[in-house]
Amino acid sequence: MNQSQLKKISINCANKIIAERIFLEPYKHLVLDNFLPIDLAEKCLSSFPTINDSIWEHENDNDIEVKSRTTWTSEFDIPDNIIDAVKILNGANLLKAFSEVFDIQKLLPDAYYTGGGLNIMQKGGLLGVHVDGNYHDASGLNRRLNALLYLNPKWDKDWGGELGLYDRDGKSLIKKIAPIFNRLVVFDTNDYSFHGIPTPLNFPLDESRKSIILYYYTKESRPANQSISEKPHSALWVKRSLKDKRGNSLRKKYE
């Protein structure tokens, strides 16, 4: 799409976000259906790499994480059409809209593309209940928001794969969000925003759960009531007693 078209879409998407209801429990989040124009959403789906593409990094920790994600190193690694969606999601119009509705000022995207990207899960895939890492090594910024755009036009509730939002202890499921096509989910990520997909997917063998995931940051630290520690940590998993994959509660580099 040309710049004029993308600018118009960006403005429309920002207006949708501002007008959308924000849920406060178990933590701030929005769920916005029909986010992109249908033709752009379909182009993103058609450009989504197959599971055999070399772009994927496969993660397999049987009890907490079975999925694949892209290994982007810059915007030049992002497939055609999907780059248009990323431009919109990382652009100034949406950053301002996210700042307004989540009351988080001076949001920045990940210009280094060291987090987020494309995610794909197949039958048996899962993501244990966890809170995300709080620190961005490449920039020294603090992580504040997650945005997920789902690209699953044939999704059926019997397949599973809903995103679960949990209470402040990560023990009780509060809400499930279906990963339906062209649905945008944005949520406040902090040390108490537990989420996950802990039940293995029951997708057909010829289907997969697809999403675009982007993260947003601020120079300012998270509020004290959202932080277990101001020191950097990686994702902390409920099944690992709130430790990361290496068994640490803080990043060793920053202890």
Protein backbone atom coordinates (compact mmCIF):
# COMPACT_ATOMS: atom_id res chain seq x y z
CA MET A 1 0.00 0.00 0.00
CA ASN A 2 1.17 3.56 -0.61
CA GLN A 3 1.87 6.04 2.16
CA SER A 4 -1.39 7.92 1.68
CA GLN A 5 -3.41 4.72 2.10
CA LEU A 6 -1.44 3.65 5.17
CA LYS A 7 -1.85 7.08 6.75
CA LYS A 8 -5.62 6.93 6.31
CA ILE A 9 -5.79 3.41 7.77
CA SER A 10 -3.58 4.45 10.67
CA ILE A 11 -5.85 7.38 11.57
CA ASN A 12 -8.95 5.17 11.36
CA CYS A 13 -7.34 2.47 13.53
CA ALA A 14 -6.30 5.05 16.13
CA ASN A 15 -9.85 6.40 16.26
CA LYS A 16 -11.19 2.87 16.77
CA ILE A 17 -8.82 2.35 19.69
CA ILE A 18 -9.81 5.61 21.36
CA ALA A 19 -13.50 4.77 21.00
CA GLU A 20 -13.14 1.17 22.25
CA ARG A 21 -14.06 0.12 25.77
CA ILE A 22 -11.14 -0.50 28.11
CA PHE A 23 -11.57 -3.40 30.52
CA LEU A 24 -10.02 -2.93 33.96
CA GLU A 25 -10.09 -6.51 35.28
CA PRO A 26 -7.92 -8.40 35.87
CA TYR A 27 -5.75 -5.58 34.46
CA LYS A 28 -6.24 -2.96 31.76
CA HIS A 29 -6.87 -4.41 28.32
CA LEU A 30 -8.87 -3.81 25.16
CA VAL A 31 -10.30 -6.22 22.62
CA LEU A 32 -10.97 -4.68 19.22
CA ASP A 33 -12.50 -6.72 16.40
CA ASN A 34 -12.18 -5.91 12.69
CA PHE A 35 -9.07 -3.89 13.46
CA LEU A 36 -7.51 -3.64 10.00
CA PRO A 37 -9.37 -3.19 6.71
CA ILE A 38 -10.29 -6.70 5.62
CA ASP A 39 -8.13 -6.59 2.47
CA LEU A 40 -5.01 -5.73 4.46
CA ALA A 41 -5.78 -8.37 7.11
CA GLU A 42 -6.17 -10.99 4.35
CA LYS A 43 -2.90 -9.89 2.74
CA CYS A 44 -1.16 -10.30 6.10
CA LEU A 45 -2.53 -13.82 6.36
CA SER A 46 -1.44 -14.69 2.81
CA SER A 47 2.08 -13.43 3.60
CA PHE A 48 2.36 -15.32 6.89
CA PRO A 49 5.31 -17.76 6.61
CA THR A 50 4.68 -21.49 6.71
CA ILE A 51 6.00 -23.46 9.66
CA ASN A 52 8.84 -24.87 7.52
CA ASP A 53 10.22 -21.41 6.71
CA SER A 54 13.72 -20.69 8.04
CA ILE A 55 12.44 -17.48 9.65
CA TRP A 56 11.14 -19.44 12.67
CA GLU A 57 12.85 -20.09 15.97
CA HIS A 58 11.25 -23.11 17.64
CA GLU A 59 10.82 -23.04 21.41
CA ASN A 60 10.08 -26.29 23.21
CA ASP A 61 9.98 -26.38 27.01
CA ASN A 62 7.31 -29.05 27.38
CA ASP A 63 5.68 -27.77 30.56
CA ILE A 64 5.69 -24.02 29.84
CA GLU A 65 6.29 -23.18 26.17
CA VAL A 66 5.74 -25.01 22.89
CA LYS A 67 5.57 -22.55 20.01
CA SER A 68 7.58 -20.88 17.26
CA ARG A 69 8.44 -17.22 16.76
CA THR A 70 10.27 -15.16 14.17
CA THR A 71 13.85 -14.03 14.54
CA TRP A 72 13.60 -10.53 13.05
CA THR A 73 16.73 -8.41 13.37
CA SER A 74 15.33 -5.34 11.59
CA GLU A 75 12.29 -4.15 9.65
CA PHE A 76 13.85 -5.62 6.51
CA ASP A 77 13.12 -9.15 7.80
CA ILE A 78 9.37 -8.52 7.97
CA PRO A 79 7.34 -10.07 5.11
CA ASP A 80 5.53 -7.91 2.58
CA ASN A 81 2.05 -6.77 3.67
CA ILE A 82 2.82 -7.69 7.28
CA ILE A 83 5.27 -4.77 7.30
CA ASP A 84 2.32 -2.47 6.53
CA ALA A 85 0.46 -3.74 9.60
CA VAL A 86 3.61 -3.27 11.71
CA LYS A 87 4.04 0.29 10.42
CA ILE A 88 0.50 1.06 11.52
CA LEU A 89 0.87 -0.59 14.93
CA ASN A 90 4.22 1.07 15.61
CA GLY A 91 3.32 4.45 14.14
CA ALA A 92 2.76 7.75 15.94
CA ASN A 93 -1.03 7.70 15.55
CA LEU A 94 -1.41 4.41 17.40
CA LEU A 95 1.24 5.24 19.99
CA LYS A 96 -0.74 8.36 20.87
CA ALA A 97 -3.99 6.37 21.00
CA PHE A 98 -2.47 3.70 23.24
CA SER A 99 -1.02 6.39 25.50
CA GLU A 100 -4.43 8.01 25.83
CA VAL A 101 -6.50 4.94 26.61
CA PHE A 102 -3.94 3.24 28.88
CA ASP A 103 -2.74 6.49 30.48
CA ILE A 104 0.90 5.65 29.77
CA GLN A 105 2.77 8.60 28.34
CA LYS A 106 5.72 8.69 25.95
CA LEU A 107 5.33 5.17 24.59
CA LEU A 108 7.96 3.88 22.18
CA PRO A 109 7.98 0.83 19.88
CA ASP A 110 10.83 -1.68 19.63
CA ALA A 111 12.92 -0.16 16.85
CA TYR A 112 15.41 -3.05 17.17
CA TYR A 113 12.77 -5.80 16.75
CA THR A 114 14.41 -7.88 19.47
CA GLY A 115 11.02 -8.83 20.95
CA GLY A 116 7.66 -9.65 19.48
CA GLY A 117 7.25 -10.48 15.80
CA LEU A 118 5.21 -13.36 14.40
CA ASN A 119 4.11 -16.30 16.53
CA ILE A 120 2.73 -19.65 15.44
CA MET A 121 1.44 -22.58 17.48
CA GLN A 122 0.36 -25.98 16.20
CA LYS A 123 -1.54 -28.89 17.72
CA GLY A 124 -0.11 -29.54 21.17
CA GLY A 125 1.33 -26.03 21.46
CA LEU A 126 1.01 -24.14 24.72
CA LEU A 127 2.23 -21.14 26.68
CA GLY A 128 2.33 -21.47 30.45
CA VAL A 129 0.93 -18.77 32.72
CA HIS A 130 3.55 -16.07 33.22
CA VAL A 131 4.35 -12.38 33.45
CA ASP A 132 6.64 -10.89 30.83
CA GLY A 133 10.13 -9.54 31.19
CA ASN A 134 10.28 -5.91 32.21
CA TYR A 135 13.41 -4.62 30.47
CA HIS A 136 14.62 -4.07 26.91
CA ASP A 137 18.36 -4.73 26.63
CA ALA A 138 18.89 -2.95 23.31
CA SER A 139 17.45 0.38 24.47
CA GLY A 140 17.37 0.27 28.27
CA LEU A 141 13.62 0.97 28.21
CA ASN A 142 10.88 -0.51 30.39
CA ARG A 143 8.18 -2.71 28.88
CA ARG A 144 4.63 -1.41 29.34
CA LEU A 145 2.19 -2.75 26.73
CA ASN A 146 1.67 -5.87 24.61
CA ALA A 147 -0.32 -5.82 21.37
CA LEU A 148 -1.50 -9.01 19.65
CA LEU A 149 -3.19 -9.16 16.25
CA TYR A 150 -4.73 -12.55 15.50
CA LEU A 151 -4.88 -14.06 12.01
CA ASN A 152 -7.03 -17.18 12.43
CA PRO A 153 -10.04 -17.08 10.06
CA LYS A 154 -11.15 -20.69 10.66
CA TRP A 155 -10.80 -20.76 14.44
CA ASP A 156 -13.26 -23.00 16.30
CA LYS A 157 -13.78 -22.95 20.07
CA ASP A 158 -13.17 -26.69 20.23
CA TRP A 159 -9.60 -26.05 19.06
CA GLY A 160 -8.65 -24.12 22.20
CA GLY A 161 -5.93 -21.51 22.03
CA GLU A 162 -7.77 -18.71 23.80
CA LEU A 163 -5.57 -16.20 25.60
CA GLY A 164 -6.16 -16.50 29.34
CA LEU A 165 -5.96 -13.49 31.67
CA TYR A 166 -5.32 -14.39 35.31
CA ASP A 167 -5.54 -12.80 38.76
CA ARG A 168 -2.58 -11.09 40.48
CA ASP A 169 -1.25 -14.43 41.72
CA GLY A 170 -1.52 -16.17 38.36
CA LYS A 171 -3.67 -18.88 39.95
CA SER A 172 -7.25 -18.07 38.92
CA LEU A 173 -8.40 -17.63 35.32
CA ILE A 174 -10.47 -14.46 35.03
CA LYS A 175 -11.09 -14.15 31.30
CA LYS A 176 -10.49 -16.00 28.03
CA ILE A 177 -10.09 -14.17 24.71
CA ALA A 178 -10.60 -16.08 21.47
CA PRO A 179 -7.87 -15.61 18.81
CA ILE A 180 -10.26 -14.79 15.98
CA PHE A 181 -9.23 -13.27 12.68
CA ASN A 182 -8.36 -9.55 12.67
CA ARG A 183 -8.90 -9.16 16.43
CA LEU A 184 -6.49 -6.81 18.22
CA VAL A 185 -5.80 -7.36 21.92
CA VAL A 186 -3.72 -4.85 23.86
CA PHE A 187 -2.92 -5.16 27.55
CA ASP A 188 -0.94 -3.48 30.29
CA THR A 189 2.07 -5.69 30.94
CA ASN A 190 3.52 -5.58 34.44
CA ASP A 191 4.66 -7.92 37.21
CA TYR A 192 1.07 -8.90 38.02
CA SER A 193 -0.45 -9.20 34.52
CA PHE A 194 -0.40 -13.00 34.40
CA HIS A 195 -1.47 -14.50 31.09
CA GLY A 196 -0.99 -17.62 29.03
CA ILE A 197 -2.38 -20.53 27.01
CA PRO A 198 -1.62 -23.41 29.39
CA THR A 199 -3.91 -26.05 27.84
CA PRO A 200 -2.33 -27.71 24.78
CA LEU A 201 -3.96 -26.68 21.51
CA ASN A 202 -6.35 -29.06 19.79
CA PHE A 203 -5.97 -27.47 16.35
CA PRO A 204 -6.29 -29.73 13.28
CA LEU A 205 -2.96 -30.86 11.89
CA ASP A 206 -3.37 -28.62 8.85
CA GLU A 207 -4.19 -25.49 10.89
CA SER A 208 -2.13 -23.29 13.20
CA ARG A 209 -2.65 -20.40 15.60
CA LYS A 210 -1.12 -17.27 14.04
CA SER A 211 -0.48 -13.86 15.54
CA ILE A 212 1.53 -10.68 15.19
CA ILE A 213 2.89 -9.56 18.58
CA LEU A 214 4.45 -6.18 19.33
CA TYR A 215 5.68 -4.58 22.54
CA TYR A 216 5.81 -0.97 23.70
CA TYR A 217 8.14 0.73 26.16
CA THR A 218 8.80 3.86 28.17
CA LYS A 219 11.91 5.47 29.59
CA GLU A 220 9.97 5.87 32.83
CA SER A 221 9.82 2.83 35.10
CA ARG A 222 6.59 1.03 35.83
CA PRO A 223 4.59 2.33 38.81
CA ALA A 224 5.75 0.84 42.12
CA ASN A 225 2.43 -0.99 42.60
CA GLN A 226 3.04 -2.84 39.32
CA SER A 227 6.56 -3.99 40.11
CA ILE A 228 7.95 -6.89 42.11
CA SER A 229 11.41 -5.47 41.52
CA GLU A 230 12.82 -2.51 39.63
CA LYS A 231 15.72 -4.67 38.53
CA PRO A 232 15.46 -6.38 35.14
CA HIS A 233 13.93 -9.83 34.92
CA SER A 234 12.92 -12.19 32.13
CA ALA A 235 9.51 -13.85 31.85
CA LEU A 236 8.53 -15.37 35.21
CA TRP A 237 6.50 -18.59 35.08
CA VAL A 238 3.89 -19.82 37.56
CA LYS A 239 4.98 -23.43 37.01
CA ARG A 240 8.54 -22.42 37.88
CA SER A 241 7.50 -20.69 41.15
CA LEU A 242 7.90 -17.26 39.52
CA LYS A 243 11.38 -17.98 38.20
CA ASP A 244 12.61 -17.63 34.64
CA LYS A 245 13.68 -20.55 32.45
CA ARG A 246 17.11 -20.54 34.09
CA GLY A 247 15.66 -20.67 37.59
CA ASN A 248 16.34 -17.00 38.40
CA SER A 249 13.98 -14.30 39.66
CA LEU A 250 16.24 -11.51 38.31
CA ARG A 251 18.51 -11.30 35.31
CA LYS A 252 21.98 -12.31 36.48
CA LYS A 253 23.55 -9.57 34.38
CA TYR A 254 21.78 -6.90 36.45
CA GLU A 255 21.77 -8.34 39.98
